[in-house]
Amino acid sequence: MLKPGEKVFAFILLLIGCLALYLSINLWFSISTHKAPRISSAAVVPVIVSSLWVLISLCIVIKNFRIESESLTLRYILPPNVLIILALIIIYCAALLMGVRFYIASPVFLYASMSCLMRKDYIRNIIITGLVTALIILVFRIVFSIVLP
């Protein structure tokens, strides 16, 4: 039995392989100075590799669609922790775009994400957040002279 997402992953690999094959064939024809591309040109290797990629991924897709798989649920694809961290990242980026200083937004984001993921040791999270923020400021502001937003 296949795990959730294996069929989709194999199909995505097939699509990317088709794109690589298309691009490598275009490269092969564009490098060729003669009317027909030569087997000895430099672009033959990408064509061969991408052809094998498409052939093997097509075999995997055909084999996978014959096998039964577990049901794919939204909770499996995006667990609650991932959704929460994604929301925190969006809020962090929005805060930076709205003009909140890096020195304020970054420690708040770090503390919120660490507290969300660990769900304990809140005092330790504050200490780690302070140390990480100080290290970032030391390295980027003082050592590399980068102006932080």
N, C-alpha and C. Protein backbone atom coordinates (compact mmCIF):
# COMPACT_ATOMS: atom_id res chain seq x y z
N MET A 1 0.85 -1.17 0.00
CA MET A 1 0.00 0.00 0.00
C MET A 1 0.90 1.24 0.00
N LEU A 2 0.54 2.19 -0.85
CA LEU A 2 1.31 3.42 -0.95
C LEU A 2 0.88 4.42 0.12
N LYS A 3 1.82 5.24 0.52
CA LYS A 3 1.50 6.30 1.48
C LYS A 3 0.85 7.46 0.74
N PRO A 4 0.12 8.30 1.48
CA PRO A 4 -0.52 9.44 0.82
C PRO A 4 0.50 10.35 0.13
N GLY A 5 0.19 10.75 -1.08
CA GLY A 5 1.04 11.67 -1.81
C GLY A 5 2.03 11.02 -2.75
N GLU A 6 2.22 9.72 -2.67
CA GLU A 6 3.21 9.07 -3.53
C GLU A 6 2.79 9.10 -4.99
N LYS A 7 1.52 8.92 -5.27
CA LYS A 7 1.05 8.98 -6.66
C LYS A 7 1.22 10.39 -7.23
N VAL A 8 0.89 11.38 -6.43
CA VAL A 8 1.00 12.77 -6.89
C VAL A 8 2.47 13.13 -7.10
N PHE A 9 3.33 12.71 -6.19
CA PHE A 9 4.76 13.00 -6.30
C PHE A 9 5.34 12.39 -7.57
N ALA A 10 4.98 11.14 -7.86
CA ALA A 10 5.47 10.49 -9.08
C ALA A 10 4.98 11.22 -10.33
N PHE A 11 3.75 11.69 -10.30
CA PHE A 11 3.21 12.42 -11.44
C PHE A 11 3.91 13.77 -11.61
N ILE A 12 4.21 14.45 -10.51
CA ILE A 12 4.94 15.72 -10.58
C ILE A 12 6.35 15.49 -11.14
N LEU A 13 6.98 14.40 -10.72
CA LEU A 13 8.30 14.06 -11.27
C LEU A 13 8.22 13.82 -12.77
N LEU A 14 7.15 13.18 -13.22
CA LEU A 14 6.96 12.94 -14.65
C LEU A 14 6.80 14.27 -15.39
N LEU A 15 6.02 15.19 -14.84
CA LEU A 15 5.83 16.49 -15.49
C LEU A 15 7.13 17.28 -15.57
N ILE A 16 7.90 17.28 -14.47
CA ILE A 16 9.18 18.00 -14.47
C ILE A 16 10.16 17.33 -15.45
N GLY A 17 10.13 16.01 -15.53
CA GLY A 17 10.96 15.30 -16.49
C GLY A 17 10.59 15.64 -17.93
N CYS A 18 9.29 15.77 -18.20
CA CYS A 18 8.86 16.18 -19.55
C CYS A 18 9.36 17.58 -19.88
N LEU A 19 9.30 18.47 -18.91
CA LEU A 19 9.82 19.82 -19.11
C LEU A 19 11.33 19.78 -19.37
N ALA A 20 12.05 18.98 -18.61
CA ALA A 20 13.51 18.86 -18.81
C ALA A 20 13.80 18.27 -20.19
N LEU A 21 13.02 17.31 -20.63
CA LEU A 21 13.22 16.72 -21.96
C LEU A 21 12.96 17.76 -23.04
N TYR A 22 11.90 18.52 -22.90
CA TYR A 22 11.58 19.57 -23.87
C TYR A 22 12.71 20.60 -23.95
N LEU A 23 13.19 21.05 -22.79
CA LEU A 23 14.27 22.04 -22.77
C LEU A 23 15.58 21.47 -23.33
N SER A 24 15.87 20.21 -23.04
CA SER A 24 17.11 19.63 -23.54
C SER A 24 17.05 19.40 -25.04
N ILE A 25 15.88 19.07 -25.58
CA ILE A 25 15.74 18.92 -27.03
C ILE A 25 15.90 20.29 -27.70
N ASN A 26 15.32 21.33 -27.10
CA ASN A 26 15.51 22.68 -27.63
C ASN A 26 16.98 23.07 -27.61
N LEU A 27 17.68 22.72 -26.53
CA LEU A 27 19.11 23.00 -26.44
C LEU A 27 19.87 22.26 -27.53
N TRP A 28 19.50 21.01 -27.75
CA TRP A 28 20.16 20.18 -28.75
C TRP A 28 20.01 20.79 -30.15
N PHE A 29 18.81 21.25 -30.46
CA PHE A 29 18.58 21.84 -31.77
C PHE A 29 19.22 23.23 -31.88
N SER A 30 19.29 23.97 -30.79
CA SER A 30 19.88 25.31 -30.87
C SER A 30 21.41 25.27 -30.96
N ILE A 31 22.04 24.25 -30.40
CA ILE A 31 23.50 24.12 -30.47
C ILE A 31 23.92 23.64 -31.85
N SER A 32 23.09 22.86 -32.48
CA SER A 32 23.43 22.26 -33.76
C SER A 32 23.55 23.33 -34.84
N THR A 33 24.68 23.35 -35.52
CA THR A 33 24.88 24.31 -36.61
C THR A 33 24.42 23.73 -37.95
N HIS A 34 24.23 22.44 -37.98
CA HIS A 34 23.77 21.78 -39.21
C HIS A 34 22.24 21.72 -39.18
N LYS A 35 21.69 21.23 -40.26
CA LYS A 35 20.23 21.13 -40.33
C LYS A 35 19.69 20.12 -39.32
N ALA A 36 20.35 19.01 -39.17
CA ALA A 36 19.91 17.99 -38.22
C ALA A 36 20.91 17.93 -37.07
N PRO A 37 20.42 17.80 -35.83
CA PRO A 37 21.35 17.73 -34.70
C PRO A 37 22.19 16.45 -34.77
N ARG A 38 23.41 16.57 -34.34
CA ARG A 38 24.32 15.42 -34.38
C ARG A 38 24.33 14.70 -33.03
N ILE A 39 24.57 13.41 -33.09
CA ILE A 39 24.62 12.59 -31.88
C ILE A 39 25.88 12.89 -31.07
N SER A 40 26.86 13.54 -31.67
CA SER A 40 28.10 13.85 -30.98
C SER A 40 28.12 15.25 -30.37
N SER A 41 27.01 15.97 -30.44
CA SER A 41 27.00 17.33 -29.89
C SER A 41 26.97 17.29 -28.36
N ALA A 42 27.25 18.44 -27.77
CA ALA A 42 27.32 18.52 -26.30
C ALA A 42 25.95 18.37 -25.64
N ALA A 43 24.88 18.61 -26.35
CA ALA A 43 23.54 18.57 -25.77
C ALA A 43 22.94 17.18 -25.76
N VAL A 44 23.67 16.18 -26.22
CA VAL A 44 23.13 14.82 -26.25
C VAL A 44 22.95 14.27 -24.84
N VAL A 45 23.88 14.57 -23.94
CA VAL A 45 23.80 14.03 -22.58
C VAL A 45 22.52 14.49 -21.87
N PRO A 46 22.17 15.80 -21.88
CA PRO A 46 20.90 16.18 -21.26
C PRO A 46 19.68 15.51 -21.89
N VAL A 47 19.71 15.30 -23.20
CA VAL A 47 18.59 14.64 -23.87
C VAL A 47 18.47 13.19 -23.40
N ILE A 48 19.58 12.50 -23.31
CA ILE A 48 19.56 11.10 -22.86
C ILE A 48 19.11 11.00 -21.41
N VAL A 49 19.67 11.85 -20.55
CA VAL A 49 19.32 11.80 -19.13
C VAL A 49 17.86 12.15 -18.92
N SER A 50 17.38 13.20 -19.58
CA SER A 50 15.97 13.56 -19.39
C SER A 50 15.04 12.54 -20.02
N SER A 51 15.46 11.89 -21.09
CA SER A 51 14.65 10.81 -21.67
C SER A 51 14.52 9.64 -20.70
N LEU A 52 15.63 9.28 -20.08
CA LEU A 52 15.58 8.22 -19.07
C LEU A 52 14.71 8.64 -17.89
N TRP A 53 14.80 9.89 -17.49
CA TRP A 53 13.98 10.43 -16.40
C TRP A 53 12.50 10.25 -16.73
N VAL A 54 12.10 10.65 -17.94
CA VAL A 54 10.69 10.54 -18.33
C VAL A 54 10.28 9.07 -18.40
N LEU A 55 11.11 8.23 -18.98
CA LEU A 55 10.78 6.81 -19.11
C LEU A 55 10.62 6.14 -17.75
N ILE A 56 11.55 6.38 -16.84
CA ILE A 56 11.48 5.75 -15.52
C ILE A 56 10.32 6.30 -14.71
N SER A 57 10.11 7.61 -14.75
CA SER A 57 8.99 8.16 -13.97
C SER A 57 7.65 7.74 -14.56
N LEU A 58 7.58 7.55 -15.87
CA LEU A 58 6.34 7.04 -16.48
C LEU A 58 6.07 5.61 -16.00
N CYS A 59 7.11 4.79 -15.92
CA CYS A 59 6.94 3.42 -15.40
C CYS A 59 6.46 3.45 -13.95
N ILE A 60 7.01 4.37 -13.16
CA ILE A 60 6.60 4.48 -11.75
C ILE A 60 5.16 4.94 -11.64
N VAL A 61 4.76 5.91 -12.46
CA VAL A 61 3.37 6.39 -12.43
C VAL A 61 2.41 5.27 -12.81
N ILE A 62 2.73 4.52 -13.84
CA ILE A 62 1.86 3.41 -14.26
C ILE A 62 1.77 2.36 -13.16
N LYS A 63 2.92 2.02 -12.55
CA LYS A 63 2.92 1.03 -11.47
C LYS A 63 2.14 1.52 -10.26
N ASN A 64 2.30 2.81 -9.91
CA ASN A 64 1.63 3.35 -8.73
C ASN A 64 0.12 3.41 -8.88
N PHE A 65 -0.37 3.66 -10.09
CA PHE A 65 -1.81 3.75 -10.26
C PHE A 65 -2.50 2.38 -10.21
N ARG A 66 -1.73 1.32 -10.27
CA ARG A 66 -2.30 -0.02 -10.09
C ARG A 66 -2.36 -0.42 -8.61
N ILE A 67 -1.59 0.27 -7.77
CA ILE A 67 -1.52 -0.06 -6.35
C ILE A 67 -2.48 0.82 -5.58
N GLU A 68 -3.10 0.25 -4.59
CA GLU A 68 -4.01 1.00 -3.74
C GLU A 68 -3.21 1.88 -2.77
N SER A 69 -3.76 3.04 -2.46
CA SER A 69 -3.05 3.94 -1.54
C SER A 69 -3.98 4.40 -0.43
N GLU A 70 -3.36 4.87 0.66
CA GLU A 70 -4.14 5.42 1.77
C GLU A 70 -4.81 6.71 1.31
N SER A 71 -5.87 7.08 2.01
CA SER A 71 -6.56 8.31 1.63
C SER A 71 -5.72 9.51 2.02
N LEU A 72 -5.76 10.51 1.17
CA LEU A 72 -4.99 11.72 1.38
C LEU A 72 -5.91 12.78 1.97
N THR A 73 -5.60 13.20 3.18
CA THR A 73 -6.43 14.21 3.83
C THR A 73 -5.66 15.51 3.94
N LEU A 74 -6.40 16.58 4.09
CA LEU A 74 -5.77 17.89 4.24
C LEU A 74 -4.94 17.95 5.52
N ARG A 75 -5.37 17.24 6.55
CA ARG A 75 -4.63 17.23 7.81
C ARG A 75 -3.28 16.54 7.65
N TYR A 76 -3.18 15.59 6.73
CA TYR A 76 -1.91 14.92 6.46
C TYR A 76 -0.97 15.85 5.70
N ILE A 77 -1.52 16.60 4.74
CA ILE A 77 -0.70 17.50 3.92
C ILE A 77 -0.25 18.71 4.73
N LEU A 78 -1.19 19.31 5.44
CA LEU A 78 -0.89 20.51 6.23
C LEU A 78 -1.30 20.29 7.69
N PRO A 79 -0.42 19.72 8.49
CA PRO A 79 -0.73 19.54 9.91
C PRO A 79 -0.89 20.90 10.60
N PRO A 80 -1.55 20.92 11.75
CA PRO A 80 -1.79 22.20 12.44
C PRO A 80 -0.52 23.02 12.70
N ASN A 81 0.57 22.36 13.08
CA ASN A 81 1.81 23.11 13.34
C ASN A 81 2.31 23.84 12.09
N VAL A 82 2.19 23.20 10.94
CA VAL A 82 2.63 23.82 9.69
C VAL A 82 1.77 25.03 9.38
N LEU A 83 0.46 24.90 9.57
CA LEU A 83 -0.45 26.03 9.31
C LEU A 83 -0.17 27.20 10.26
N ILE A 84 0.11 26.89 11.50
CA ILE A 84 0.40 27.95 12.48
C ILE A 84 1.69 28.67 12.13
N ILE A 85 2.74 27.94 11.80
CA ILE A 85 4.01 28.55 11.44
C ILE A 85 3.87 29.34 10.14
N LEU A 86 3.11 28.82 9.19
CA LEU A 86 2.86 29.54 7.95
C LEU A 86 2.16 30.87 8.23
N ALA A 87 1.17 30.85 9.12
CA ALA A 87 0.48 32.09 9.50
C ALA A 87 1.43 33.05 10.20
N LEU A 88 2.30 32.55 11.06
CA LEU A 88 3.28 33.41 11.72
C LEU A 88 4.26 34.04 10.73
N ILE A 89 4.66 33.27 9.73
CA ILE A 89 5.57 33.81 8.70
C ILE A 89 4.88 34.92 7.91
N ILE A 90 3.61 34.70 7.56
CA ILE A 90 2.87 35.72 6.83
C ILE A 90 2.70 36.98 7.67
N ILE A 91 2.39 36.81 8.95
CA ILE A 91 2.26 37.96 9.84
C ILE A 91 3.60 38.68 9.99
N TYR A 92 4.69 37.94 10.11
CA TYR A 92 6.03 38.51 10.22
C TYR A 92 6.38 39.33 8.98
N CYS A 93 6.13 38.77 7.80
CA CYS A 93 6.42 39.49 6.55
C CYS A 93 5.55 40.73 6.43
N ALA A 94 4.28 40.60 6.79
CA ALA A 94 3.38 41.76 6.73
C ALA A 94 3.84 42.85 7.69
N ALA A 95 4.28 42.45 8.87
CA ALA A 95 4.76 43.43 9.85
C ALA A 95 5.99 44.17 9.31
N LEU A 96 6.90 43.44 8.69
CA LEU A 96 8.09 44.10 8.12
C LEU A 96 7.70 45.03 6.98
N LEU A 97 6.74 44.61 6.15
CA LEU A 97 6.30 45.46 5.05
C LEU A 97 5.57 46.70 5.53
N MET A 98 4.90 46.61 6.68
CA MET A 98 4.17 47.76 7.22
C MET A 98 5.09 48.71 7.98
N GLY A 99 6.37 48.37 8.08
CA GLY A 99 7.32 49.29 8.69
C GLY A 99 7.72 48.96 10.11
N VAL A 100 7.28 47.84 10.65
CA VAL A 100 7.72 47.44 11.99
C VAL A 100 9.21 47.10 11.89
N ARG A 101 9.98 47.60 12.81
CA ARG A 101 11.43 47.41 12.76
C ARG A 101 11.80 45.94 12.92
N PHE A 102 12.91 45.58 12.29
CA PHE A 102 13.44 44.22 12.37
C PHE A 102 13.72 43.83 13.80
N TYR A 103 14.21 44.78 14.59
CA TYR A 103 14.59 44.52 15.98
C TYR A 103 13.38 44.19 16.85
N ILE A 104 12.19 44.54 16.40
CA ILE A 104 10.96 44.24 17.15
C ILE A 104 10.29 43.00 16.57
N ALA A 105 10.14 42.97 15.24
CA ALA A 105 9.40 41.89 14.60
C ALA A 105 10.10 40.53 14.71
N SER A 106 11.41 40.51 14.55
CA SER A 106 12.13 39.24 14.57
C SER A 106 12.10 38.53 15.92
N PRO A 107 12.38 39.22 17.04
CA PRO A 107 12.29 38.51 18.32
C PRO A 107 10.86 38.04 18.63
N VAL A 108 9.86 38.84 18.25
CA VAL A 108 8.47 38.42 18.49
C VAL A 108 8.16 37.18 17.67
N PHE A 109 8.59 37.17 16.39
CA PHE A 109 8.37 35.99 15.54
C PHE A 109 9.09 34.77 16.09
N LEU A 110 10.35 34.94 16.47
CA LEU A 110 11.12 33.81 17.01
C LEU A 110 10.47 33.24 18.27
N TYR A 111 10.10 34.13 19.18
CA TYR A 111 9.50 33.66 20.42
C TYR A 111 8.15 32.97 20.16
N ALA A 112 7.33 33.56 19.30
CA ALA A 112 6.02 32.97 19.02
C ALA A 112 6.15 31.61 18.35
N SER A 113 7.06 31.48 17.39
CA SER A 113 7.21 30.20 16.70
C SER A 113 7.83 29.14 17.61
N MET A 114 8.81 29.52 18.41
CA MET A 114 9.40 28.54 19.33
C MET A 114 8.40 28.11 20.39
N SER A 115 7.63 29.05 20.91
CA SER A 115 6.64 28.70 21.92
C SER A 115 5.53 27.84 21.35
N CYS A 116 5.18 28.09 20.10
CA CYS A 116 4.15 27.29 19.45
C CYS A 116 4.63 25.86 19.22
N LEU A 117 5.86 25.70 18.78
CA LEU A 117 6.37 24.37 18.47
C LEU A 117 6.76 23.57 19.72
N MET A 118 7.29 24.24 20.74
CA MET A 118 7.74 23.52 21.93
C MET A 118 6.65 23.37 22.97
N ARG A 119 5.81 24.37 23.13
CA ARG A 119 4.69 24.37 24.07
C ARG A 119 5.13 24.13 25.53
N LYS A 120 6.35 24.52 25.83
CA LYS A 120 6.84 24.44 27.21
C LYS A 120 8.10 25.30 27.30
N ASP A 121 8.63 25.45 28.49
CA ASP A 121 9.87 26.20 28.72
C ASP A 121 9.81 27.61 28.12
N TYR A 122 8.78 28.38 28.49
CA TYR A 122 8.59 29.70 27.92
C TYR A 122 9.70 30.67 28.33
N ILE A 123 10.21 30.52 29.54
CA ILE A 123 11.32 31.37 29.99
C ILE A 123 12.58 31.06 29.18
N ARG A 124 12.83 29.79 28.94
CA ARG A 124 13.98 29.37 28.14
C ARG A 124 13.85 29.91 26.71
N ASN A 125 12.62 29.93 26.19
CA ASN A 125 12.40 30.47 24.84
C ASN A 125 12.75 31.96 24.78
N ILE A 126 12.43 32.70 25.83
CA ILE A 126 12.78 34.12 25.88
C ILE A 126 14.29 34.29 25.85
N ILE A 127 15.01 33.48 26.63
CA ILE A 127 16.47 33.56 26.69
C ILE A 127 17.07 33.22 25.32
N ILE A 128 16.59 32.14 24.71
CA ILE A 128 17.11 31.73 23.39
C ILE A 128 16.81 32.80 22.35
N THR A 129 15.61 33.37 22.40
CA THR A 129 15.24 34.44 21.47
C THR A 129 16.17 35.63 21.62
N GLY A 130 16.45 36.02 22.84
CA GLY A 130 17.37 37.13 23.08
C GLY A 130 18.76 36.85 22.56
N LEU A 131 19.26 35.64 22.81
CA LEU A 131 20.60 35.27 22.36
C LEU A 131 20.69 35.22 20.83
N VAL A 132 19.69 34.63 20.21
CA VAL A 132 19.69 34.54 18.75
C VAL A 132 19.60 35.93 18.12
N THR A 133 18.73 36.77 18.67
CA THR A 133 18.61 38.14 18.15
C THR A 133 19.92 38.90 18.32
N ALA A 134 20.55 38.77 19.47
CA ALA A 134 21.83 39.44 19.71
C ALA A 134 22.90 38.93 18.74
N LEU A 135 22.91 37.63 18.49
CA LEU A 135 23.88 37.05 17.55
C LEU A 135 23.64 37.55 16.13
N ILE A 136 22.37 37.63 15.72
CA ILE A 136 22.05 38.15 14.38
C ILE A 136 22.51 39.59 14.25
N ILE A 137 22.22 40.39 15.26
CA ILE A 137 22.64 41.79 15.23
C ILE A 137 24.16 41.90 15.20
N LEU A 138 24.84 41.10 16.02
CA LEU A 138 26.30 41.12 16.07
C LEU A 138 26.89 40.75 14.71
N VAL A 139 26.42 39.67 14.13
CA VAL A 139 27.00 39.19 12.88
C VAL A 139 26.68 40.13 11.72
N PHE A 140 25.41 40.46 11.54
CA PHE A 140 25.03 41.21 10.35
C PHE A 140 25.25 42.71 10.48
N ARG A 141 24.97 43.27 11.62
CA ARG A 141 25.07 44.72 11.79
C ARG A 141 26.51 45.16 12.05
N ILE A 142 27.22 44.44 12.92
CA ILE A 142 28.54 44.87 13.32
C ILE A 142 29.64 44.26 12.44
N VAL A 143 29.61 42.94 12.23
CA VAL A 143 30.67 42.29 11.46
C VAL A 143 30.56 42.61 9.97
N PHE A 144 29.36 42.40 9.38
CA PHE A 144 29.20 42.62 7.94
C PHE A 144 28.71 44.01 7.58
N SER A 145 28.37 44.84 8.54
CA SER A 145 27.89 46.22 8.32
C SER A 145 26.66 46.29 7.42
N ILE A 146 25.75 45.36 7.61
CA ILE A 146 24.50 45.35 6.84
C ILE A 146 23.45 46.10 7.64
N VAL A 147 22.74 47.00 6.95
CA VAL A 147 21.68 47.75 7.60
C VAL A 147 20.44 46.88 7.61
N LEU A 148 19.96 46.56 8.80
CA LEU A 148 18.77 45.73 8.94
C LEU A 148 17.52 46.59 8.83
N PRO A 149 16.45 46.05 8.25
CA PRO A 149 15.24 46.85 8.04
C PRO A 149 14.58 47.28 9.34
